[in-house]
């Protein structure tokens, strides 16, 4: 029986937006974690170079999650790591830090569920953590876009949030009623065009204020 549950939310957060906050809130309501651990990426190997320095991205995360009901920690390990960032390395480091018995649950959006076969050592993610996917209403595990091996792995690992919280790793949960459609690219475009009303639809108020104070995303 796990005595501690840590919910992990990773991403570029360039910038952190309403979709990130909604995913964290949704998974927190399911799992009731003891800690929300947020890991801003250093240089994700599947994405182009970051537009915004880590100092600003971390500051925006602090603004977005200020006053969160669950204790929040901004984990800077990927920012400080040389070279590309891989989720498996982060999870192994977190497992070494928290010990063998803690429940570690990585929250992911539906897009990452479809991209999972491209991740380094993706099968080994289950050796160190649980995976919690939030998808759109009506998502089917047998959907044509889902890799067959991923579907098979998930099919035999599906469990309830209670089971994820009570064990250390190896399980998966798919929540199929989180409908949040937010694009970081669209947000950056709106900011570059000076369309603050459109950007405000997708950004937490304190984050938009920070962006304006520091003149971020003024150019595409």
N, C-alpha and C. Protein backbone atom coordinates (compact mmCIF):
# COMPACT_ATOMS: atom_id res chain seq x y z
N UNK A 1 0.85 -1.20 0.00
CA UNK A 1 0.00 0.00 0.00
C UNK A 1 0.88 1.24 0.00
N UNK A 2 0.72 2.08 -1.02
CA UNK A 2 1.51 3.30 -1.09
C UNK A 2 1.01 4.32 -0.08
N UNK A 3 1.95 4.95 0.64
CA UNK A 3 1.58 5.97 1.62
C UNK A 3 1.65 7.37 1.04
N UNK A 4 2.24 7.51 -0.14
CA UNK A 4 2.39 8.83 -0.74
C UNK A 4 2.12 8.75 -2.23
N UNK A 5 1.41 9.75 -2.75
CA UNK A 5 1.11 9.80 -4.17
C UNK A 5 1.58 11.15 -4.72
N UNK A 6 2.39 11.10 -5.76
CA UNK A 6 2.89 12.31 -6.41
C UNK A 6 2.36 12.34 -7.84
N UNK A 7 1.67 13.40 -8.18
CA UNK A 7 1.16 13.61 -9.53
C UNK A 7 2.18 14.43 -10.29
N UNK A 8 2.61 13.92 -11.43
CA UNK A 8 3.66 14.56 -12.22
C UNK A 8 3.05 15.17 -13.48
N UNK A 9 3.36 16.45 -13.71
CA UNK A 9 2.91 17.14 -14.91
C UNK A 9 4.13 17.74 -15.59
N UNK A 10 4.44 17.23 -16.78
CA UNK A 10 5.58 17.74 -17.52
C UNK A 10 5.14 18.46 -18.77
N UNK A 11 6.03 19.27 -19.33
CA UNK A 11 5.71 19.95 -20.57
C UNK A 11 6.66 21.09 -20.85
N UNK A 12 6.52 21.66 -22.02
CA UNK A 12 7.33 22.82 -22.38
C UNK A 12 6.88 24.07 -21.62
N UNK A 13 5.56 24.19 -21.42
CA UNK A 13 4.98 25.33 -20.72
C UNK A 13 5.49 26.65 -21.32
N UNK A 14 5.30 26.76 -22.64
CA UNK A 14 5.83 27.92 -23.37
C UNK A 14 4.72 28.60 -24.16
N UNK A 15 3.71 29.19 -23.46
CA UNK A 15 3.60 29.36 -22.01
C UNK A 15 2.68 28.31 -21.38
N UNK A 16 2.67 28.27 -20.05
CA UNK A 16 1.68 27.46 -19.34
C UNK A 16 0.30 28.05 -19.64
N UNK A 17 -0.68 27.18 -19.91
CA UNK A 17 -1.99 27.69 -20.31
C UNK A 17 -3.12 26.94 -19.61
N UNK A 18 -4.35 27.30 -19.98
CA UNK A 18 -5.53 26.74 -19.31
C UNK A 18 -5.62 25.23 -19.46
N UNK A 19 -5.13 24.68 -20.57
CA UNK A 19 -5.16 23.23 -20.75
C UNK A 19 -4.29 22.51 -19.74
N UNK A 20 -3.11 23.06 -19.46
CA UNK A 20 -2.24 22.46 -18.44
C UNK A 20 -2.90 22.49 -17.07
N UNK A 21 -3.48 23.63 -16.74
CA UNK A 21 -4.12 23.77 -15.43
C UNK A 21 -5.31 22.83 -15.31
N UNK A 22 -6.10 22.73 -16.39
CA UNK A 22 -7.27 21.85 -16.37
C UNK A 22 -6.86 20.39 -16.20
N UNK A 23 -5.79 19.97 -16.87
CA UNK A 23 -5.31 18.60 -16.75
C UNK A 23 -4.85 18.31 -15.33
N UNK A 24 -4.10 19.24 -14.74
CA UNK A 24 -3.64 19.05 -13.37
C UNK A 24 -4.81 19.01 -12.39
N UNK A 25 -5.78 19.90 -12.59
CA UNK A 25 -6.93 19.93 -11.69
C UNK A 25 -7.76 18.65 -11.82
N UNK A 26 -7.94 18.20 -13.04
CA UNK A 26 -8.76 17.01 -13.28
C UNK A 26 -8.12 15.78 -12.64
N UNK A 27 -6.83 15.58 -12.89
CA UNK A 27 -6.14 14.42 -12.33
C UNK A 27 -6.02 14.52 -10.81
N UNK A 28 -5.89 15.73 -10.30
CA UNK A 28 -5.84 15.91 -8.84
C UNK A 28 -7.16 15.51 -8.20
N UNK A 29 -8.27 15.84 -8.86
CA UNK A 29 -9.58 15.46 -8.32
C UNK A 29 -9.76 13.95 -8.32
N UNK A 30 -9.16 13.26 -9.29
CA UNK A 30 -9.26 11.80 -9.36
C UNK A 30 -8.38 11.11 -8.32
N UNK A 31 -7.17 11.64 -8.14
CA UNK A 31 -6.15 10.92 -7.37
C UNK A 31 -5.94 11.44 -5.95
N UNK A 32 -6.33 12.68 -5.69
CA UNK A 32 -6.06 13.31 -4.40
C UNK A 32 -4.58 13.14 -4.01
N UNK A 33 -3.67 13.62 -4.86
CA UNK A 33 -2.24 13.40 -4.59
C UNK A 33 -1.76 14.21 -3.39
N UNK A 34 -0.65 13.77 -2.84
CA UNK A 34 -0.02 14.49 -1.74
C UNK A 34 0.85 15.64 -2.25
N UNK A 35 1.21 15.57 -3.53
CA UNK A 35 2.04 16.62 -4.12
C UNK A 35 1.82 16.67 -5.62
N UNK A 36 1.81 17.87 -6.16
CA UNK A 36 1.83 18.06 -7.61
C UNK A 36 3.24 18.47 -7.98
N UNK A 37 3.91 17.64 -8.75
CA UNK A 37 5.28 17.91 -9.17
C UNK A 37 5.25 18.35 -10.64
N UNK A 38 5.67 19.58 -10.91
CA UNK A 38 5.63 20.12 -12.27
C UNK A 38 7.06 20.18 -12.80
N UNK A 39 7.26 19.59 -13.99
CA UNK A 39 8.60 19.49 -14.57
C UNK A 39 8.64 20.22 -15.91
N UNK A 40 9.12 21.46 -15.92
CA UNK A 40 9.30 22.14 -17.20
C UNK A 40 10.44 21.52 -17.99
N UNK A 41 10.24 21.36 -19.27
CA UNK A 41 11.24 20.70 -20.11
C UNK A 41 12.45 21.61 -20.32
N UNK A 42 13.60 20.96 -20.46
CA UNK A 42 14.79 21.68 -20.87
C UNK A 42 14.75 21.85 -22.37
N UNK A 43 15.07 20.78 -23.08
CA UNK A 43 14.94 20.76 -24.54
C UNK A 43 14.30 19.44 -24.95
N UNK A 44 12.97 19.41 -25.13
CA UNK A 44 12.31 18.18 -25.56
C UNK A 44 12.86 17.74 -26.91
N UNK A 45 13.21 16.48 -27.02
CA UNK A 45 13.88 16.02 -28.23
C UNK A 45 12.97 16.03 -29.45
N UNK A 46 11.64 16.02 -29.23
CA UNK A 46 10.71 15.99 -30.36
C UNK A 46 10.25 17.39 -30.79
N UNK A 47 10.75 18.43 -30.14
CA UNK A 47 10.26 19.76 -30.43
C UNK A 47 11.42 20.69 -30.77
N UNK A 48 11.13 21.81 -31.48
CA UNK A 48 12.17 22.79 -31.77
C UNK A 48 12.62 23.50 -30.50
N UNK A 49 13.65 24.30 -30.62
CA UNK A 49 14.20 25.00 -29.47
C UNK A 49 13.14 25.87 -28.80
N UNK A 50 13.26 26.00 -27.48
CA UNK A 50 12.32 26.81 -26.73
C UNK A 50 12.40 28.28 -27.15
N UNK A 51 11.24 28.93 -27.16
CA UNK A 51 11.21 30.36 -27.44
C UNK A 51 11.55 31.17 -26.20
N UNK A 52 11.26 30.63 -25.03
CA UNK A 52 11.32 31.41 -23.80
C UNK A 52 12.28 30.78 -22.81
N UNK A 53 13.17 31.56 -22.20
CA UNK A 53 14.12 31.01 -21.22
C UNK A 53 13.40 30.32 -20.06
N UNK A 54 14.08 29.36 -19.48
CA UNK A 54 13.49 28.59 -18.40
C UNK A 54 13.09 29.47 -17.21
N UNK A 55 13.84 30.53 -16.95
CA UNK A 55 13.50 31.38 -15.81
C UNK A 55 12.10 31.96 -15.95
N UNK A 56 11.73 32.37 -17.15
CA UNK A 56 10.39 32.92 -17.37
C UNK A 56 9.34 31.81 -17.33
N UNK A 57 9.62 30.67 -17.92
CA UNK A 57 8.64 29.59 -17.92
C UNK A 57 8.36 29.11 -16.50
N UNK A 58 9.41 29.04 -15.68
CA UNK A 58 9.23 28.64 -14.28
C UNK A 58 8.44 29.69 -13.52
N UNK A 59 8.74 30.96 -13.75
CA UNK A 59 8.00 32.04 -13.08
C UNK A 59 6.53 32.01 -13.45
N UNK A 60 6.23 31.74 -14.73
CA UNK A 60 4.83 31.65 -15.15
C UNK A 60 4.12 30.47 -14.50
N UNK A 61 4.84 29.35 -14.33
CA UNK A 61 4.25 28.21 -13.63
C UNK A 61 3.90 28.57 -12.18
N UNK A 62 4.78 29.30 -11.54
CA UNK A 62 4.49 29.71 -10.16
C UNK A 62 3.25 30.59 -10.10
N UNK A 63 3.09 31.45 -11.10
CA UNK A 63 1.90 32.30 -11.15
C UNK A 63 0.64 31.46 -11.38
N UNK A 64 0.73 30.50 -12.31
CA UNK A 64 -0.45 29.70 -12.67
C UNK A 64 -0.93 28.81 -11.54
N UNK A 65 0.02 28.32 -10.72
CA UNK A 65 -0.35 27.35 -9.69
C UNK A 65 -0.25 27.92 -8.28
N UNK A 66 -0.19 29.23 -8.16
CA UNK A 66 -0.20 29.86 -6.84
C UNK A 66 -1.53 29.58 -6.14
N UNK A 67 -1.46 29.24 -4.87
CA UNK A 67 -2.68 28.98 -4.12
C UNK A 67 -3.33 27.64 -4.40
N UNK A 68 -2.61 26.74 -5.09
CA UNK A 68 -3.14 25.41 -5.40
C UNK A 68 -3.40 24.65 -4.10
N UNK A 69 -4.49 23.90 -4.05
CA UNK A 69 -4.86 23.20 -2.82
C UNK A 69 -3.82 22.17 -2.41
N UNK A 70 -3.24 21.48 -3.40
CA UNK A 70 -2.21 20.47 -3.15
C UNK A 70 -0.84 21.15 -3.16
N UNK A 71 0.07 20.74 -2.29
CA UNK A 71 1.43 21.30 -2.36
C UNK A 71 2.02 21.13 -3.76
N UNK A 72 2.63 22.18 -4.28
CA UNK A 72 3.19 22.18 -5.62
C UNK A 72 4.70 22.37 -5.54
N UNK A 73 5.42 21.55 -6.31
CA UNK A 73 6.87 21.71 -6.43
C UNK A 73 7.22 21.85 -7.90
N UNK A 74 7.98 22.88 -8.24
CA UNK A 74 8.52 23.03 -9.59
C UNK A 74 9.86 22.32 -9.61
N UNK A 75 9.93 21.22 -10.33
CA UNK A 75 11.13 20.39 -10.40
C UNK A 75 11.95 20.82 -11.62
N UNK A 76 13.14 21.30 -11.40
CA UNK A 76 13.96 21.87 -12.46
C UNK A 76 14.98 20.90 -13.06
N UNK A 77 14.83 19.61 -12.81
CA UNK A 77 15.85 18.67 -13.24
C UNK A 77 16.05 18.66 -14.75
N UNK A 78 14.97 18.78 -15.53
CA UNK A 78 15.14 18.75 -16.99
C UNK A 78 15.76 20.04 -17.50
N UNK A 79 15.44 21.14 -16.88
CA UNK A 79 16.03 22.42 -17.26
C UNK A 79 17.54 22.40 -17.03
N UNK A 80 17.95 21.72 -15.96
CA UNK A 80 19.36 21.69 -15.60
C UNK A 80 20.13 20.58 -16.31
N UNK A 81 19.42 19.69 -16.98
CA UNK A 81 20.06 18.57 -17.65
C UNK A 81 20.63 19.00 -19.00
N UNK A 82 21.83 18.55 -19.29
CA UNK A 82 22.43 18.85 -20.59
C UNK A 82 21.79 17.96 -21.67
N UNK A 83 21.58 18.52 -22.83
CA UNK A 83 21.05 17.74 -23.94
C UNK A 83 19.54 17.61 -23.89
N UNK A 84 19.02 16.68 -24.67
CA UNK A 84 17.58 16.49 -24.81
C UNK A 84 16.97 15.91 -23.54
N UNK A 85 15.68 16.21 -23.34
CA UNK A 85 14.95 15.71 -22.17
C UNK A 85 14.11 14.50 -22.56
N UNK A 86 14.21 13.44 -21.76
CA UNK A 86 13.42 12.24 -21.99
C UNK A 86 12.63 11.93 -20.72
N UNK A 87 11.36 11.60 -20.88
CA UNK A 87 10.50 11.34 -19.73
C UNK A 87 11.02 10.18 -18.89
N UNK A 88 11.57 9.15 -19.53
CA UNK A 88 12.02 7.99 -18.78
C UNK A 88 13.15 8.36 -17.81
N UNK A 89 14.04 9.26 -18.22
CA UNK A 89 15.13 9.68 -17.34
C UNK A 89 14.58 10.46 -16.14
N UNK A 90 13.61 11.31 -16.40
CA UNK A 90 12.99 12.09 -15.33
C UNK A 90 12.28 11.19 -14.34
N UNK A 91 11.54 10.21 -14.85
CA UNK A 91 10.81 9.31 -13.96
C UNK A 91 11.76 8.44 -13.14
N UNK A 92 12.84 7.99 -13.74
CA UNK A 92 13.81 7.19 -12.99
C UNK A 92 14.45 8.01 -11.87
N UNK A 93 14.76 9.27 -12.17
CA UNK A 93 15.34 10.14 -11.14
C UNK A 93 14.33 10.40 -10.02
N UNK A 94 13.07 10.59 -10.39
CA UNK A 94 12.03 10.83 -9.39
C UNK A 94 11.81 9.58 -8.54
N UNK A 95 11.84 8.42 -9.16
CA UNK A 95 11.70 7.17 -8.41
C UNK A 95 12.85 7.00 -7.41
N UNK A 96 14.07 7.32 -7.85
CA UNK A 96 15.21 7.22 -6.95
C UNK A 96 15.07 8.18 -5.77
N UNK A 97 14.49 9.34 -6.03
CA UNK A 97 14.30 10.33 -4.97
C UNK A 97 13.21 9.93 -3.99
N UNK A 98 12.09 9.43 -4.51
CA UNK A 98 10.92 9.17 -3.66
C UNK A 98 10.90 7.79 -3.04
N UNK A 99 11.71 6.87 -3.57
CA UNK A 99 11.73 5.52 -3.03
C UNK A 99 10.81 4.57 -3.78
N UNK A 100 10.91 3.31 -3.42
CA UNK A 100 10.23 2.26 -4.17
C UNK A 100 8.72 2.23 -3.96
N UNK A 101 8.24 2.76 -2.84
CA UNK A 101 6.83 2.56 -2.49
C UNK A 101 5.90 3.69 -2.89
N UNK A 102 6.43 4.86 -3.17
CA UNK A 102 5.56 5.99 -3.51
C UNK A 102 4.83 5.75 -4.83
N UNK A 103 3.60 6.19 -4.89
CA UNK A 103 2.84 6.15 -6.14
C UNK A 103 3.21 7.38 -6.96
N UNK A 104 3.74 7.15 -8.16
CA UNK A 104 4.07 8.24 -9.09
C UNK A 104 3.14 8.12 -10.28
N UNK A 105 2.38 9.17 -10.54
CA UNK A 105 1.40 9.16 -11.63
C UNK A 105 1.71 10.31 -12.58
N UNK A 106 2.01 9.98 -13.81
CA UNK A 106 2.29 11.01 -14.81
C UNK A 106 1.01 11.33 -15.57
N UNK A 107 0.61 12.60 -15.54
CA UNK A 107 -0.59 13.05 -16.24
C UNK A 107 -0.24 13.44 -17.67
N UNK A 108 -1.01 12.95 -18.62
CA UNK A 108 -0.73 13.20 -20.03
C UNK A 108 -2.03 13.46 -20.78
N UNK A 109 -1.92 14.26 -21.83
CA UNK A 109 -3.07 14.52 -22.68
C UNK A 109 -3.22 13.47 -23.75
N UNK A 110 -4.33 13.51 -24.46
CA UNK A 110 -4.63 12.50 -25.48
C UNK A 110 -3.60 12.50 -26.60
N UNK A 111 -3.02 13.67 -26.91
CA UNK A 111 -2.04 13.71 -27.98
C UNK A 111 -0.81 12.87 -27.65
N UNK A 112 -0.44 12.84 -26.37
CA UNK A 112 0.70 12.04 -25.97
C UNK A 112 0.37 10.54 -25.96
N UNK A 113 -0.88 10.22 -25.74
CA UNK A 113 -1.29 8.82 -25.85
C UNK A 113 -1.06 8.31 -27.27
N UNK A 114 -1.37 9.14 -28.25
CA UNK A 114 -1.17 8.75 -29.64
C UNK A 114 0.32 8.74 -30.02
N UNK A 115 1.11 9.59 -29.37
CA UNK A 115 2.53 9.68 -29.69
C UNK A 115 3.40 8.73 -28.87
N UNK A 116 2.83 8.00 -27.94
CA UNK A 116 3.61 7.22 -26.99
C UNK A 116 4.64 6.30 -27.65
N UNK A 117 4.35 5.64 -28.79
CA UNK A 117 5.36 4.74 -29.38
C UNK A 117 6.65 5.45 -29.80
N UNK A 118 6.60 6.77 -29.95
CA UNK A 118 7.80 7.50 -30.36
C UNK A 118 8.68 7.89 -29.18
N UNK A 119 8.20 7.68 -27.95
CA UNK A 119 8.97 8.05 -26.77
C UNK A 119 10.10 7.04 -26.52
N UNK A 120 11.20 7.52 -26.02
CA UNK A 120 12.31 6.63 -25.69
C UNK A 120 11.87 5.67 -24.57
N UNK A 121 12.11 4.37 -24.79
CA UNK A 121 11.85 3.34 -23.77
C UNK A 121 10.44 3.46 -23.19
N UNK A 122 9.45 3.66 -24.04
CA UNK A 122 8.12 3.95 -23.53
C UNK A 122 7.54 2.80 -22.72
N UNK A 123 7.87 1.58 -23.07
CA UNK A 123 7.34 0.45 -22.29
C UNK A 123 7.88 0.46 -20.86
N UNK A 124 9.08 0.98 -20.69
CA UNK A 124 9.70 1.00 -19.36
C UNK A 124 9.14 2.10 -18.46
N UNK A 125 8.33 2.99 -19.02
CA UNK A 125 7.68 3.99 -18.18
C UNK A 125 6.87 3.32 -17.08
N UNK A 126 6.25 2.17 -17.42
CA UNK A 126 5.42 1.48 -16.44
C UNK A 126 6.24 0.82 -15.34
N UNK A 127 7.55 0.69 -15.54
CA UNK A 127 8.40 0.12 -14.49
C UNK A 127 8.64 1.09 -13.35
N UNK A 128 8.37 2.37 -13.61
CA UNK A 128 8.66 3.38 -12.58
C UNK A 128 7.47 4.27 -12.24
N UNK A 129 6.39 4.19 -13.02
CA UNK A 129 5.27 5.10 -12.78
C UNK A 129 3.97 4.53 -13.32
N UNK A 130 2.89 5.17 -12.96
CA UNK A 130 1.59 4.96 -13.60
C UNK A 130 1.40 6.06 -14.64
N UNK A 131 0.54 5.82 -15.63
CA UNK A 131 0.21 6.82 -16.62
C UNK A 131 -1.29 7.12 -16.56
N UNK A 132 -1.62 8.40 -16.47
CA UNK A 132 -3.02 8.82 -16.44
C UNK A 132 -3.26 9.73 -17.63
N UNK A 133 -4.07 9.27 -18.58
CA UNK A 133 -4.36 10.01 -19.80
C UNK A 133 -5.72 10.67 -19.71
N UNK A 134 -5.79 11.93 -20.10
CA UNK A 134 -7.07 12.64 -20.17
C UNK A 134 -7.40 12.87 -21.63
N UNK A 135 -8.50 12.31 -22.08
CA UNK A 135 -8.88 12.37 -23.49
C UNK A 135 -10.23 13.05 -23.66
N UNK A 136 -10.55 13.28 -24.91
CA UNK A 136 -11.84 13.89 -25.22
C UNK A 136 -12.99 12.90 -25.01
N UNK A 137 -14.19 13.41 -24.80
CA UNK A 137 -15.35 12.50 -24.69
C UNK A 137 -15.48 11.62 -25.93
N UNK A 138 -15.79 10.35 -25.69
CA UNK A 138 -15.98 9.43 -26.80
C UNK A 138 -14.73 8.73 -27.27
N UNK A 139 -13.59 8.99 -26.62
CA UNK A 139 -12.36 8.32 -27.04
C UNK A 139 -12.49 6.82 -26.86
N UNK A 140 -12.01 6.06 -27.85
CA UNK A 140 -12.06 4.59 -27.78
C UNK A 140 -10.65 4.03 -27.76
N UNK A 141 -10.38 3.13 -26.85
CA UNK A 141 -9.06 2.53 -26.73
C UNK A 141 -8.71 1.76 -27.99
N UNK A 142 -9.71 1.29 -28.70
CA UNK A 142 -9.47 0.54 -29.93
C UNK A 142 -9.49 1.44 -31.17
N UNK A 143 -9.37 2.74 -30.96
CA UNK A 143 -9.41 3.67 -32.08
C UNK A 143 -8.33 3.39 -33.10
N UNK A 144 -8.63 3.67 -34.36
CA UNK A 144 -7.72 3.33 -35.45
C UNK A 144 -6.39 4.05 -35.34
N UNK A 145 -6.38 5.24 -34.71
CA UNK A 145 -5.15 6.03 -34.62
C UNK A 145 -4.21 5.54 -33.52
N UNK A 146 -4.69 4.66 -32.66
CA UNK A 146 -3.89 4.22 -31.52
C UNK A 146 -3.03 3.02 -31.92
N UNK A 147 -1.74 3.10 -31.61
CA UNK A 147 -0.82 2.02 -31.92
C UNK A 147 -1.30 0.72 -31.27
N UNK A 148 -1.31 -0.40 -32.00
CA UNK A 148 -1.82 -1.66 -31.45
C UNK A 148 -1.10 -2.11 -30.18
N UNK A 149 0.22 -1.93 -30.14
CA UNK A 149 0.95 -2.37 -28.94
C UNK A 149 0.63 -1.48 -27.75
N UNK A 150 0.46 -0.19 -28.00
CA UNK A 150 0.06 0.70 -26.91
C UNK A 150 -1.32 0.29 -26.40
N UNK A 151 -2.25 0.01 -27.32
CA UNK A 151 -3.58 -0.41 -26.92
C UNK A 151 -3.53 -1.69 -26.10
N UNK A 152 -2.66 -2.62 -26.50
CA UNK A 152 -2.54 -3.88 -25.77
C UNK A 152 -1.97 -3.66 -24.38
N UNK A 153 -0.94 -2.82 -24.29
CA UNK A 153 -0.34 -2.53 -22.99
C UNK A 153 -1.36 -1.88 -22.05
N UNK A 154 -2.06 -0.89 -22.58
CA UNK A 154 -3.04 -0.20 -21.75
C UNK A 154 -4.18 -1.13 -21.35
N UNK A 155 -4.61 -1.97 -22.31
CA UNK A 155 -5.72 -2.86 -22.03
C UNK A 155 -5.49 -3.77 -20.84
N UNK A 156 -4.24 -4.21 -20.67
CA UNK A 156 -3.97 -5.11 -19.54
C UNK A 156 -3.54 -4.37 -18.27
N UNK A 157 -3.37 -3.04 -18.39
CA UNK A 157 -2.91 -2.27 -17.23
C UNK A 157 -3.99 -1.33 -16.69
N UNK A 158 -5.13 -1.24 -17.36
CA UNK A 158 -6.16 -0.30 -16.94
C UNK A 158 -6.61 -0.58 -15.51
N UNK A 159 -6.73 0.47 -14.74
CA UNK A 159 -7.12 0.35 -13.34
C UNK A 159 -7.85 1.62 -12.92
N UNK A 160 -8.38 1.62 -11.74
CA UNK A 160 -9.10 2.78 -11.23
C UNK A 160 -8.11 3.77 -10.60
N UNK A 161 -8.51 5.03 -10.46
CA UNK A 161 -7.64 5.99 -9.76
C UNK A 161 -7.26 5.53 -8.36
N UNK A 162 -8.17 4.87 -7.68
CA UNK A 162 -7.87 4.36 -6.34
C UNK A 162 -6.74 3.35 -6.39
N UNK A 163 -6.76 2.49 -7.39
CA UNK A 163 -5.69 1.49 -7.52
C UNK A 163 -4.36 2.15 -7.87
N UNK A 164 -4.39 3.19 -8.72
CA UNK A 164 -3.16 3.91 -9.03
C UNK A 164 -2.58 4.54 -7.77
N UNK A 165 -3.44 5.11 -6.96
CA UNK A 165 -2.94 5.79 -5.77
C UNK A 165 -2.39 4.80 -4.74
N UNK A 166 -2.93 3.59 -4.75
CA UNK A 166 -2.56 2.62 -3.73
C UNK A 166 -1.33 1.80 -4.08
N UNK A 167 -0.82 1.89 -5.31
CA UNK A 167 0.34 1.10 -5.71
C UNK A 167 1.39 2.02 -6.33
N UNK A 168 2.59 1.51 -6.51
CA UNK A 168 3.71 2.36 -6.89
C UNK A 168 3.78 2.67 -8.38
N UNK A 169 3.51 1.68 -9.23
CA UNK A 169 3.72 1.87 -10.67
C UNK A 169 3.05 0.74 -11.45
N UNK A 170 3.06 0.87 -12.78
CA UNK A 170 2.64 -0.23 -13.64
C UNK A 170 1.22 -0.20 -14.14
N UNK A 171 0.43 0.80 -13.74
CA UNK A 171 -0.97 0.83 -14.13
C UNK A 171 -1.27 2.04 -15.01
N UNK A 172 -2.48 2.06 -15.58
CA UNK A 172 -2.89 3.17 -16.44
C UNK A 172 -4.36 3.47 -16.19
N UNK A 173 -4.70 4.73 -16.40
CA UNK A 173 -6.09 5.16 -16.31
C UNK A 173 -6.36 6.10 -17.47
N UNK A 174 -7.50 5.94 -18.12
CA UNK A 174 -7.89 6.82 -19.21
C UNK A 174 -9.19 7.52 -18.83
N UNK A 175 -9.09 8.81 -18.68
CA UNK A 175 -10.26 9.64 -18.38
C UNK A 175 -10.74 10.24 -19.69
N UNK A 176 -11.95 9.93 -20.09
CA UNK A 176 -12.41 10.31 -21.43
C UNK A 176 -13.47 11.40 -21.42
N UNK A 177 -13.38 12.31 -20.46
CA UNK A 177 -14.37 13.39 -20.44
C UNK A 177 -13.75 14.74 -20.12
N UNK A 178 -12.49 14.93 -20.52
CA UNK A 178 -11.86 16.23 -20.37
C UNK A 178 -11.75 16.88 -21.75
N UNK A 179 -12.58 17.86 -22.01
CA UNK A 179 -12.62 18.49 -23.33
C UNK A 179 -12.01 19.89 -23.25
N UNK A 180 -10.70 19.96 -23.41
CA UNK A 180 -10.00 21.24 -23.42
C UNK A 180 -9.12 21.28 -24.66
N UNK A 181 -9.38 22.24 -25.52
CA UNK A 181 -8.63 22.34 -26.78
C UNK A 181 -7.85 23.65 -26.78
N UNK A 182 -6.57 23.56 -26.44
CA UNK A 182 -5.72 24.75 -26.35
C UNK A 182 -4.44 24.47 -27.11
N UNK A 183 -4.02 25.43 -27.92
CA UNK A 183 -2.79 25.30 -28.70
C UNK A 183 -1.80 26.37 -28.27
N UNK A 184 -0.60 25.93 -27.84
CA UNK A 184 0.44 26.89 -27.48
C UNK A 184 0.81 27.77 -28.66
N UNK A 185 0.82 27.15 -29.85
CA UNK A 185 1.16 27.91 -31.05
C UNK A 185 0.15 29.03 -31.29
N UNK A 186 -1.14 28.71 -31.12
CA UNK A 186 -2.18 29.72 -31.31
C UNK A 186 -2.08 30.83 -30.27
N UNK A 187 -1.72 30.45 -29.06
CA UNK A 187 -1.56 31.45 -28.00
C UNK A 187 -0.41 32.40 -28.34
N UNK A 188 0.71 31.83 -28.76
CA UNK A 188 1.86 32.67 -29.10
C UNK A 188 1.53 33.59 -30.28
N UNK A 189 0.76 33.08 -31.23
CA UNK A 189 0.38 33.90 -32.37
C UNK A 189 -0.51 35.07 -31.93
N UNK A 190 -1.48 34.77 -31.06
CA UNK A 190 -2.36 35.83 -30.56
C UNK A 190 -1.56 36.89 -29.81
N UNK A 191 -0.61 36.46 -29.01
CA UNK A 191 0.21 37.41 -28.25
C UNK A 191 1.07 38.25 -29.19
N UNK A 192 1.64 37.61 -30.20
CA UNK A 192 2.48 38.34 -31.16
C UNK A 192 1.68 39.37 -31.94
N UNK A 193 0.40 39.07 -32.17
CA UNK A 193 -0.47 39.99 -32.91
C UNK A 193 -1.10 41.04 -31.99
N UNK A 194 -0.80 40.95 -30.70
CA UNK A 194 -1.37 41.91 -29.76
C UNK A 194 -2.83 41.68 -29.45
N UNK A 195 -3.34 40.48 -29.76
CA UNK A 195 -4.75 40.16 -29.52
C UNK A 195 -4.90 39.59 -28.11
N UNK A 196 -4.90 40.47 -27.12
CA UNK A 196 -4.93 40.04 -25.73
C UNK A 196 -6.27 39.44 -25.33
N UNK A 197 -7.35 39.86 -25.98
CA UNK A 197 -8.65 39.27 -25.67
C UNK A 197 -8.66 37.78 -26.03
N UNK A 198 -8.10 37.47 -27.19
CA UNK A 198 -8.05 36.05 -27.59
C UNK A 198 -7.10 35.27 -26.69
N UNK A 199 -5.94 35.84 -26.37
CA UNK A 199 -4.99 35.16 -25.49
C UNK A 199 -5.58 34.93 -24.11
N UNK A 200 -6.39 35.88 -23.65
CA UNK A 200 -6.97 35.78 -22.31
C UNK A 200 -7.93 34.60 -22.18
N UNK A 201 -8.46 34.12 -23.30
CA UNK A 201 -9.35 32.96 -23.25
C UNK A 201 -8.59 31.70 -22.84
N UNK A 202 -7.30 31.67 -23.08
CA UNK A 202 -6.51 30.45 -22.89
C UNK A 202 -5.48 30.53 -21.77
N UNK A 203 -5.26 31.73 -21.25
CA UNK A 203 -4.20 31.91 -20.26
C UNK A 203 -4.77 32.29 -18.90
N UNK A 204 -4.25 31.71 -17.82
CA UNK A 204 -4.62 32.21 -16.48
C UNK A 204 -4.27 33.69 -16.38
N UNK A 205 -5.11 34.45 -15.71
CA UNK A 205 -4.90 35.88 -15.62
C UNK A 205 -3.50 36.29 -15.15
N UNK A 206 -2.98 35.67 -14.07
CA UNK A 206 -1.65 36.06 -13.60
C UNK A 206 -0.55 35.77 -14.62
N UNK A 207 -0.75 34.73 -15.44
CA UNK A 207 0.24 34.40 -16.47
C UNK A 207 0.22 35.44 -17.57
N UNK A 208 -0.96 35.86 -18.00
CA UNK A 208 -1.05 36.91 -19.01
C UNK A 208 -0.44 38.21 -18.49
N UNK A 209 -0.70 38.52 -17.23
CA UNK A 209 -0.10 39.72 -16.64
C UNK A 209 1.42 39.63 -16.67
N UNK A 210 1.96 38.46 -16.33
CA UNK A 210 3.41 38.28 -16.33
C UNK A 210 3.97 38.46 -17.74
N UNK A 211 3.31 37.87 -18.71
CA UNK A 211 3.76 37.98 -20.10
C UNK A 211 3.79 39.44 -20.55
N UNK A 212 2.78 40.19 -20.18
CA UNK A 212 2.73 41.60 -20.58
C UNK A 212 3.79 42.42 -19.85
N UNK A 213 4.01 42.12 -18.58
CA UNK A 213 5.02 42.88 -17.82
C UNK A 213 6.42 42.66 -18.36
N UNK A 214 6.67 41.45 -18.88
CA UNK A 214 8.02 41.11 -19.33
C UNK A 214 8.15 41.11 -20.86
N UNK A 215 7.12 41.56 -21.54
CA UNK A 215 7.17 41.73 -23.00
C UNK A 215 7.54 40.44 -23.73
N UNK A 216 6.92 39.34 -23.28
CA UNK A 216 7.21 38.04 -23.89
C UNK A 216 6.30 37.81 -25.10
N UNK A 217 6.76 36.97 -26.01
CA UNK A 217 6.00 36.51 -27.19
C UNK A 217 5.54 37.67 -28.08
N UNK A 218 6.33 38.69 -28.18
CA UNK A 218 5.93 39.82 -29.02
C UNK A 218 6.18 39.54 -30.51
N UNK A 219 7.03 38.54 -30.77
CA UNK A 219 7.32 38.18 -32.16
C UNK A 219 7.14 36.69 -32.33
N UNK A 220 6.70 36.27 -33.52
CA UNK A 220 6.57 34.85 -33.81
C UNK A 220 7.93 34.26 -34.13
